[in-house]
Amino acid sequence: MEKAVAVKYSEELPAPIILARGKGELAKRIKKIARESAVEIVAIPELTDALIELKVDALIPEQFYYIIAELLVYVRDLKSSR
């Protein structure tokens, strides 16, 4: 089954948060909205599986800070290289 988790971070937040999450048709819709909004989509199935269990607006658990930080840097670098 298709899964999607949208993560948001800003300096005003103590940690990144779950912005949206879903499985099946909802996951497809989340990805469609991301593409239409020029939001990068990065597939990391293991991370998605872990984060999809969290509620929307939940802070990302500390155990995921490092991978989320790497992901945010990767996306930032992608955008700056365009």
PDB file of N, CA and C in Angstrom:
ATOM      1  N   MET A   1       0.832  -1.177   0.000  1.00  0.00           N
ATOM      2  CA  MET A   1       0.000   0.000   0.000  1.00  0.00           C
ATOM      3  C   MET A   1       0.882   1.247   0.000  1.00  0.00           C
ATOM      4  N   GLU A   2       0.491   2.205  -0.796  1.00  0.00           N
ATOM      5  CA  GLU A   2       1.223   3.464  -0.885  1.00  0.00           C
ATOM      6  C   GLU A   2       1.045   4.259   0.408  1.00  0.00           C
ATOM      7  N   LYS A   3       2.152   4.893   0.846  1.00  0.00           N
ATOM      8  CA  LYS A   3       2.136   5.695   2.072  1.00  0.00           C
ATOM      9  C   LYS A   3       2.839   7.019   1.805  1.00  0.00           C
ATOM     10  N   ALA A   4       2.442   8.039   2.553  1.00  0.00           N
ATOM     11  CA  ALA A   4       3.100   9.347   2.437  1.00  0.00           C
ATOM     12  C   ALA A   4       3.051  10.059   3.782  1.00  0.00           C
ATOM     13  N   VAL A   5       4.141  10.746   4.087  1.00  0.00           N
ATOM     14  CA  VAL A   5       4.216  11.584   5.277  1.00  0.00           C
ATOM     15  C   VAL A   5       4.851  12.904   4.856  1.00  0.00           C
ATOM     16  N   ALA A   6       4.177  13.999   5.163  1.00  0.00           N
ATOM     17  CA  ALA A   6       4.721  15.334   4.895  1.00  0.00           C
ATOM     18  C   ALA A   6       5.257  15.892   6.205  1.00  0.00           C
ATOM     19  N   VAL A   7       6.479  16.411   6.142  1.00  0.00           N
ATOM     20  CA  VAL A   7       7.153  16.946   7.317  1.00  0.00           C
ATOM     21  C   VAL A   7       7.409  18.430   7.100  1.00  0.00           C
ATOM     22  N   LYS A   8       7.223  19.209   8.155  1.00  0.00           N
ATOM     23  CA  LYS A   8       7.465  20.652   8.085  1.00  0.00           C
ATOM     24  C   LYS A   8       8.443  21.042   9.183  1.00  0.00           C
ATOM     25  N   TYR A   9       9.334  21.962   8.843  1.00  0.00           N
ATOM     26  CA  TYR A   9      10.228  22.506   9.862  1.00  0.00           C
ATOM     27  C   TYR A   9      10.372  23.999   9.641  1.00  0.00           C
ATOM     28  N   SER A  10      10.354  24.731  10.720  1.00  0.00           N
ATOM     29  CA  SER A  10      10.700  26.147  10.692  1.00  0.00           C
ATOM     30  C   SER A  10      11.428  26.453  11.994  1.00  0.00           C
ATOM     31  N   GLU A  11      12.162  27.530  11.990  1.00  0.00           N
ATOM     32  CA  GLU A  11      12.960  27.875  13.166  1.00  0.00           C
ATOM     33  C   GLU A  11      12.103  28.190  14.387  1.00  0.00           C
ATOM     34  N   GLU A  12      10.831  28.510  14.167  1.00  0.00           N
ATOM     35  CA  GLU A  12       9.942  28.805  15.283  1.00  0.00           C
ATOM     36  C   GLU A  12       9.522  27.540  16.036  1.00  0.00           C
ATOM     37  N   LEU A  13       9.689  26.386  15.413  1.00  0.00           N
ATOM     38  CA  LEU A  13       9.277  25.125  16.020  1.00  0.00           C
ATOM     39  C   LEU A  13      10.424  24.502  16.800  1.00  0.00           C
ATOM     40  N   PRO A  14      10.111  23.782  17.882  1.00  0.00           N
ATOM     41  CA  PRO A  14      11.181  23.110  18.629  1.00  0.00           C
ATOM     42  C   PRO A  14      11.747  21.900  17.885  1.00  0.00           C
ATOM     43  N   ALA A  15      10.982  21.371  16.933  1.00  0.00           N
ATOM     44  CA  ALA A  15      11.399  20.218  16.129  1.00  0.00           C
ATOM     45  C   ALA A  15      10.496  20.169  14.903  1.00  0.00           C
ATOM     46  N   PRO A  16      10.902  19.406  13.879  1.00  0.00           N
ATOM     47  CA  PRO A  16      10.002  19.230  12.736  1.00  0.00           C
ATOM     48  C   PRO A  16       8.699  18.579  13.187  1.00  0.00           C
ATOM     49  N   ILE A  17       7.624  18.844  12.437  1.00  0.00           N
ATOM     50  CA  ILE A  17       6.328  18.267  12.771  1.00  0.00           C
ATOM     51  C   ILE A  17       5.770  17.482  11.589  1.00  0.00           C
ATOM     52  N   ILE A  18       4.820  16.610  11.894  1.00  0.00           N
ATOM     53  CA  ILE A  18       4.083  15.896  10.858  1.00  0.00           C
ATOM     54  C   ILE A  18       3.009  16.854  10.340  1.00  0.00           C
ATOM     55  N   LEU A  19       3.104  17.196   9.078  1.00  0.00           N
ATOM     56  CA  LEU A  19       2.149  18.113   8.463  1.00  0.00           C
ATOM     57  C   LEU A  19       0.950  17.357   7.896  1.00  0.00           C
ATOM     58  N   ALA A  20       1.218  16.190   7.324  1.00  0.00           N
ATOM     59  CA  ALA A  20       0.153  15.344   6.769  1.00  0.00           C
ATOM     60  C   ALA A  20       0.670  13.916   6.724  1.00  0.00           C
ATOM     61  N   ARG A  21      -0.257  12.972   6.727  1.00  0.00           N
ATOM     62  CA  ARG A  21       0.127  11.568   6.617  1.00  0.00           C
ATOM     63  C   ARG A  21      -1.054  10.797   6.055  1.00  0.00           C
ATOM     64  N   GLY A  22      -0.756   9.738   5.316  1.00  0.00           N
ATOM     65  CA  GLY A  22      -1.860   8.957   4.791  1.00  0.00           C
ATOM     66  C   GLY A  22      -1.400   7.717   4.063  1.00  0.00           C
ATOM     67  N   LYS A  23      -2.365   6.823   3.852  1.00  0.00           N
ATOM     68  CA  LYS A  23      -2.129   5.570   3.133  1.00  0.00           C
ATOM     69  C   LYS A  23      -3.103   5.495   1.967  1.00  0.00           C
ATOM     70  N   GLY A  24      -2.748   4.722   0.954  1.00  0.00           N
ATOM     71  CA  GLY A  24      -3.643   4.488  -0.167  1.00  0.00           C
ATOM     72  C   GLY A  24      -3.966   5.754  -0.937  1.00  0.00           C
ATOM     73  N   GLU A  25      -5.259   6.010  -1.134  1.00  0.00           N
ATOM     74  CA  GLU A  25      -5.688   7.173  -1.909  1.00  0.00           C
ATOM     75  C   GLU A  25      -5.263   8.488  -1.261  1.00  0.00           C
ATOM     76  N   LEU A  26      -5.282   8.544   0.065  1.00  0.00           N
ATOM     77  CA  LEU A  26      -4.852   9.757   0.743  1.00  0.00           C
ATOM     78  C   LEU A  26      -3.366  10.018   0.491  1.00  0.00           C
ATOM     79  N   ALA A  27      -2.555   8.981   0.479  1.00  0.00           N
ATOM     80  CA  ALA A  27      -1.127   9.131   0.175  1.00  0.00           C
ATOM     81  C   ALA A  27      -0.942   9.671  -1.238  1.00  0.00           C
ATOM     82  N   LYS A  28      -1.709   9.162  -2.173  1.00  0.00           N
ATOM     83  CA  LYS A  28      -1.624   9.647  -3.554  1.00  0.00           C
ATOM     84  C   LYS A  28      -1.989  11.127  -3.631  1.00  0.00           C
ATOM     85  N   ARG A  29      -3.006  11.504  -2.878  1.00  0.00           N
ATOM     86  CA  ARG A  29      -3.425  12.917  -2.886  1.00  0.00           C
ATOM     87  C   ARG A  29      -2.356  13.811  -2.264  1.00  0.00           C
ATOM     88  N   ILE A  30      -1.750  13.363  -1.164  1.00  0.00           N
ATOM     89  CA  ILE A  30      -0.669  14.127  -0.526  1.00  0.00           C
ATOM     90  C   ILE A  30       0.470  14.340  -1.523  1.00  0.00           C
ATOM     91  N   LYS A  31       0.852  13.299  -2.228  1.00  0.00           N
ATOM     92  CA  LYS A  31       1.943  13.399  -3.206  1.00  0.00           C
ATOM     93  C   LYS A  31       1.556  14.308  -4.368  1.00  0.00           C
ATOM     94  N   LYS A  32       0.311  14.239  -4.808  1.00  0.00           N
ATOM     95  CA  LYS A  32      -0.155  15.091  -5.901  1.00  0.00           C
ATOM     96  C   LYS A  32      -0.086  16.560  -5.492  1.00  0.00           C
ATOM     97  N   ILE A  33      -0.559  16.856  -4.299  1.00  0.00           N
ATOM     98  CA  ILE A  33      -0.510  18.236  -3.798  1.00  0.00           C
ATOM     99  C   ILE A  33       0.935  18.702  -3.678  1.00  0.00           C
ATOM    100  N   ALA A  34       1.819  17.827  -3.207  1.00  0.00           N
ATOM    101  CA  ALA A  34       3.239  18.173  -3.093  1.00  0.00           C
ATOM    102  C   ALA A  34       3.816  18.521  -4.470  1.00  0.00           C
ATOM    103  N   ARG A  35       3.553  17.676  -5.461  1.00  0.00           N
ATOM    104  CA  ARG A  35       4.061  17.951  -6.816  1.00  0.00           C
ATOM    105  C   ARG A  35       3.522  19.272  -7.354  1.00  0.00           C
ATOM    106  N   GLU A  36       2.235  19.502  -7.176  1.00  0.00           N
ATOM    107  CA  GLU A  36       1.606  20.736  -7.661  1.00  0.00           C
ATOM    108  C   GLU A  36       2.155  21.969  -6.952  1.00  0.00           C
ATOM    109  N   SER A  37       2.645  21.795  -5.742  1.00  0.00           N
ATOM    110  CA  SER A  37       3.185  22.896  -4.946  1.00  0.00           C
ATOM    111  C   SER A  37       4.701  22.991  -5.031  1.00  0.00           C
ATOM    112  N   ALA A  38       5.299  22.201  -5.917  1.00  0.00           N
ATOM    113  CA  ALA A  38       6.757  22.169  -6.104  1.00  0.00           C
ATOM    114  C   ALA A  38       7.492  21.789  -4.815  1.00  0.00           C
ATOM    115  N   VAL A  39       6.888  20.891  -4.046  1.00  0.00           N
ATOM    116  CA  VAL A  39       7.516  20.365  -2.833  1.00  0.00           C
ATOM    117  C   VAL A  39       8.243  19.080  -3.219  1.00  0.00           C
ATOM    118  N   GLU A  40       9.499  18.974  -2.790  1.00  0.00           N
ATOM    119  CA  GLU A  40      10.288  17.787  -3.102  1.00  0.00           C
ATOM    120  C   GLU A  40       9.688  16.556  -2.435  1.00  0.00           C
ATOM    121  N   ILE A  41       9.700  15.448  -3.163  1.00  0.00           N
ATOM    122  CA  ILE A  41       9.260  14.166  -2.631  1.00  0.00           C
ATOM    123  C   ILE A  41      10.472  13.248  -2.589  1.00  0.00           C
ATOM    124  N   VAL A  42      10.769  12.754  -1.407  1.00  0.00           N
ATOM    125  CA  VAL A  42      11.907  11.856  -1.220  1.00  0.00           C
ATOM    126  C   VAL A  42      11.377  10.564  -0.616  1.00  0.00           C
ATOM    127  N   ALA A  43      11.678   9.456  -1.260  1.00  0.00           N
ATOM    128  CA  ALA A  43      11.182   8.154  -0.794  1.00  0.00           C
ATOM    129  C   ALA A  43      12.191   7.498   0.139  1.00  0.00           C
ATOM    130  N   ILE A  44      11.808   7.372   1.394  1.00  0.00           N
ATOM    131  CA  ILE A  44      12.581   6.634   2.390  1.00  0.00           C
ATOM    132  C   ILE A  44      11.566   5.751   3.119  1.00  0.00           C
ATOM    133  N   PRO A  45      11.281   4.567   2.557  1.00  0.00           N
ATOM    134  CA  PRO A  45      10.198   3.726   3.092  1.00  0.00           C
ATOM    135  C   PRO A  45      10.283   3.439   4.588  1.00  0.00           C
ATOM    136  N   GLU A  46      11.471   3.178   5.104  1.00  0.00           N
ATOM    137  CA  GLU A  46      11.605   2.859   6.525  1.00  0.00           C
ATOM    138  C   GLU A  46      11.214   4.057   7.394  1.00  0.00           C
ATOM    139  N   LEU A  47      11.601   5.250   6.973  1.00  0.00           N
ATOM    140  CA  LEU A  47      11.246   6.457   7.715  1.00  0.00           C
ATOM    141  C   LEU A  47       9.743   6.711   7.621  1.00  0.00           C
ATOM    142  N   THR A  48       9.191   6.540   6.436  1.00  0.00           N
ATOM    143  CA  THR A  48       7.746   6.710   6.260  1.00  0.00           C
ATOM    144  C   THR A  48       6.983   5.749   7.166  1.00  0.00           C
ATOM    145  N   ASP A  49       7.407   4.499   7.207  1.00  0.00           N
ATOM    146  CA  ASP A  49       6.738   3.503   8.055  1.00  0.00           C
ATOM    147  C   ASP A  49       6.750   3.918   9.529  1.00  0.00           C
ATOM    148  N   ALA A  50       7.848   4.509   9.973  1.00  0.00           N
ATOM    149  CA  ALA A  50       7.954   4.916  11.375  1.00  0.00           C
ATOM    150  C   ALA A  50       7.116   6.164  11.655  1.00  0.00           C
ATOM    151  N   LEU A  51       7.172   7.132  10.746  1.00  0.00           N
ATOM    152  CA  LEU A  51       6.504   8.408  10.994  1.00  0.00           C
ATOM    153  C   LEU A  51       5.000   8.374  10.752  1.00  0.00           C
ATOM    154  N   ILE A  52       4.539   7.463   9.924  1.00  0.00           N
ATOM    155  CA  ILE A  52       3.113   7.426   9.601  1.00  0.00           C
ATOM    156  C   ILE A  52       2.252   7.085  10.818  1.00  0.00           C
ATOM    157  N   GLU A  53       2.869   6.503  11.830  1.00  0.00           N
ATOM    158  CA  GLU A  53       2.144   6.153  13.046  1.00  0.00           C
ATOM    159  C   GLU A  53       1.895   7.363  13.950  1.00  0.00           C
ATOM    160  N   LEU A  54       2.589   8.470  13.682  1.00  0.00           N
ATOM    161  CA  LEU A  54       2.428   9.681  14.489  1.00  0.00           C
ATOM    162  C   LEU A  54       1.197  10.463  14.039  1.00  0.00           C
ATOM    163  N   LYS A  55       0.681  11.288  14.917  1.00  0.00           N
ATOM    164  CA  LYS A  55      -0.477  12.117  14.594  1.00  0.00           C
ATOM    165  C   LYS A  55      -0.030  13.380  13.854  1.00  0.00           C
ATOM    166  N   VAL A  56      -0.933  13.935  13.059  1.00  0.00           N
ATOM    167  CA  VAL A  56      -0.674  15.223  12.409  1.00  0.00           C
ATOM    168  C   VAL A  56      -0.419  16.257  13.503  1.00  0.00           C
ATOM    169  N   ASP A  57       0.554  17.122  13.277  1.00  0.00           N
ATOM    170  CA  ASP A  57       1.027  18.156  14.212  1.00  0.00           C
ATOM    171  C   ASP A  57       1.921  17.619  15.320  1.00  0.00           C
ATOM    172  N   ALA A  58       2.191  16.312  15.327  1.00  0.00           N
ATOM    173  CA  ALA A  58       3.102  15.750  16.332  1.00  0.00           C
ATOM    174  C   ALA A  58       4.540  16.157  16.009  1.00  0.00           C
ATOM    175  N   LEU A  59       5.306  16.424  17.047  1.00  0.00           N
ATOM    176  CA  LEU A  59       6.731  16.679  16.858  1.00  0.00           C
ATOM    177  C   LEU A  59       7.425  15.373  16.488  1.00  0.00           C
ATOM    178  N   ILE A  60       8.408  15.475  15.605  1.00  0.00           N
ATOM    179  CA  ILE A  60       9.202  14.307  15.223  1.00  0.00           C
ATOM    180  C   ILE A  60       9.985  13.844  16.467  1.00  0.00           C
ATOM    181  N   PRO A  61       9.958  12.563  16.792  1.00  0.00           N
ATOM    182  CA  PRO A  61      10.733  12.071  17.944  1.00  0.00           C
ATOM    183  C   PRO A  61      12.237  12.294  17.747  1.00  0.00           C
ATOM    184  N   GLU A  62      12.899  12.514  18.843  1.00  0.00           N
ATOM    185  CA  GLU A  62      14.328  12.819  18.825  1.00  0.00           C
ATOM    186  C   GLU A  62      15.147  11.763  18.084  1.00  0.00           C
ATOM    187  N   GLN A  63      14.733  10.516  18.136  1.00  0.00           N
ATOM    188  CA  GLN A  63      15.497   9.457  17.469  1.00  0.00           C
ATOM    189  C   GLN A  63      15.576   9.648  15.963  1.00  0.00           C
ATOM    190  N   PHE A  64      14.699  10.496  15.387  1.00  0.00           N
ATOM    191  CA  PHE A  64      14.696  10.732  13.948  1.00  0.00           C
ATOM    192  C   PHE A  64      15.325  12.069  13.555  1.00  0.00           C
ATOM    193  N   TYR A  65      15.810  12.836  14.516  1.00  0.00           N
ATOM    194  CA  TYR A  65      16.374  14.154  14.216  1.00  0.00           C
ATOM    195  C   TYR A  65      17.476  14.089  13.166  1.00  0.00           C
ATOM    196  N   TYR A  66      18.403  13.154  13.322  1.00  0.00           N
ATOM    197  CA  TYR A  66      19.552  13.104  12.418  1.00  0.00           C
ATOM    198  C   TYR A  66      19.115  12.842  10.980  1.00  0.00           C
ATOM    199  N   ILE A  67      18.276  11.845  10.761  1.00  0.00           N
ATOM    200  CA  ILE A  67      17.848  11.523   9.400  1.00  0.00           C
ATOM    201  C   ILE A  67      16.998  12.642   8.810  1.00  0.00           C
ATOM    202  N   ILE A  68      16.152  13.265   9.631  1.00  0.00           N
ATOM    203  CA  ILE A  68      15.333  14.380   9.142  1.00  0.00           C
ATOM    204  C   ILE A  68      16.237  15.563   8.797  1.00  0.00           C
ATOM    205  N   ALA A  69      17.246  15.833   9.620  1.00  0.00           N
ATOM    206  CA  ALA A  69      18.186  16.923   9.325  1.00  0.00           C
ATOM    207  C   ALA A  69      18.905  16.662   8.008  1.00  0.00           C
ATOM    208  N   GLU A  70      19.366  15.431   7.799  1.00  0.00           N
ATOM    209  CA  GLU A  70      20.014  15.087   6.529  1.00  0.00           C
ATOM    210  C   GLU A  70      19.058  15.275   5.357  1.00  0.00           C
ATOM    211  N   LEU A  71      17.832  14.880   5.536  1.00  0.00           N
ATOM    212  CA  LEU A  71      16.815  15.012   4.501  1.00  0.00           C
ATOM    213  C   LEU A  71      16.556  16.481   4.171  1.00  0.00           C
ATOM    214  N   LEU A  72      16.436  17.322   5.188  1.00  0.00           N
ATOM    215  CA  LEU A  72      16.197  18.745   4.966  1.00  0.00           C
ATOM    216  C   LEU A  72      17.379  19.405   4.256  1.00  0.00           C
ATOM    217  N   VAL A  73      18.590  19.037   4.606  1.00  0.00           N
ATOM    218  CA  VAL A  73      19.777  19.564   3.926  1.00  0.00           C
ATOM    219  C   VAL A  73      19.798  19.103   2.470  1.00  0.00           C
ATOM    220  N   TYR A  74      19.481  17.847   2.228  1.00  0.00           N
ATOM    221  CA  TYR A  74      19.427  17.297   0.870  1.00  0.00           C
ATOM    222  C   TYR A  74      18.419  18.072   0.014  1.00  0.00           C
ATOM    223  N   VAL A  75      17.235  18.302   0.551  1.00  0.00           N
ATOM    224  CA  VAL A  75      16.204  19.034  -0.193  1.00  0.00           C
ATOM    225  C   VAL A  75      16.640  20.476  -0.431  1.00  0.00           C
ATOM    226  N   ARG A  76      17.228  21.116   0.577  1.00  0.00           N
ATOM    227  CA  ARG A  76      17.727  22.487   0.415  1.00  0.00           C
ATOM    228  C   ARG A  76      18.770  22.557  -0.691  1.00  0.00           C
ATOM    229  N   ASP A  77      19.691  21.594  -0.703  1.00  0.00           N
ATOM    230  CA  ASP A  77      20.725  21.560  -1.733  1.00  0.00           C
ATOM    231  C   ASP A  77      20.148  21.315  -3.119  1.00  0.00           C
ATOM    232  N   LEU A  78      19.121  20.480  -3.220  1.00  0.00           N
ATOM    233  CA  LEU A  78      18.445  20.253  -4.495  1.00  0.00           C
ATOM    234  C   LEU A  78      17.861  21.544  -5.033  1.00  0.00           C
ATOM    235  N   LYS A  79      17.185  22.274  -4.163  1.00  0.00           N
ATOM    236  CA  LYS A  79      16.540  23.531  -4.576  1.00  0.00           C
ATOM    237  C   LYS A  79      17.563  24.583  -4.959  1.00  0.00           C
ATOM    238  N   SER A  80      18.685  24.644  -4.253  1.00  0.00           N
ATOM    239  CA  SER A  80      19.676  25.675  -4.551  1.00  0.00           C
ATOM    240  C   SER A  80      20.472  25.363  -5.818  1.00  0.00           C
ATOM    241  N   SER A  81      20.473  24.087  -6.232  1.00  0.00           N
ATOM    242  CA  SER A  81      21.211  23.723  -7.446  1.00  0.00           C
ATOM    243  C   SER A  81      20.383  23.945  -8.719  1.00  0.00           C
ATOM    244  N   ARG A  82      19.141  24.318  -8.560  1.00  0.00           N
ATOM    245  CA  ARG A  82      18.263  24.528  -9.738  1.00  0.00           C
ATOM    246  C   ARG A  82      18.307  25.941 -10.226  1.00  0.00           C
TER     247      ARG A  82
END
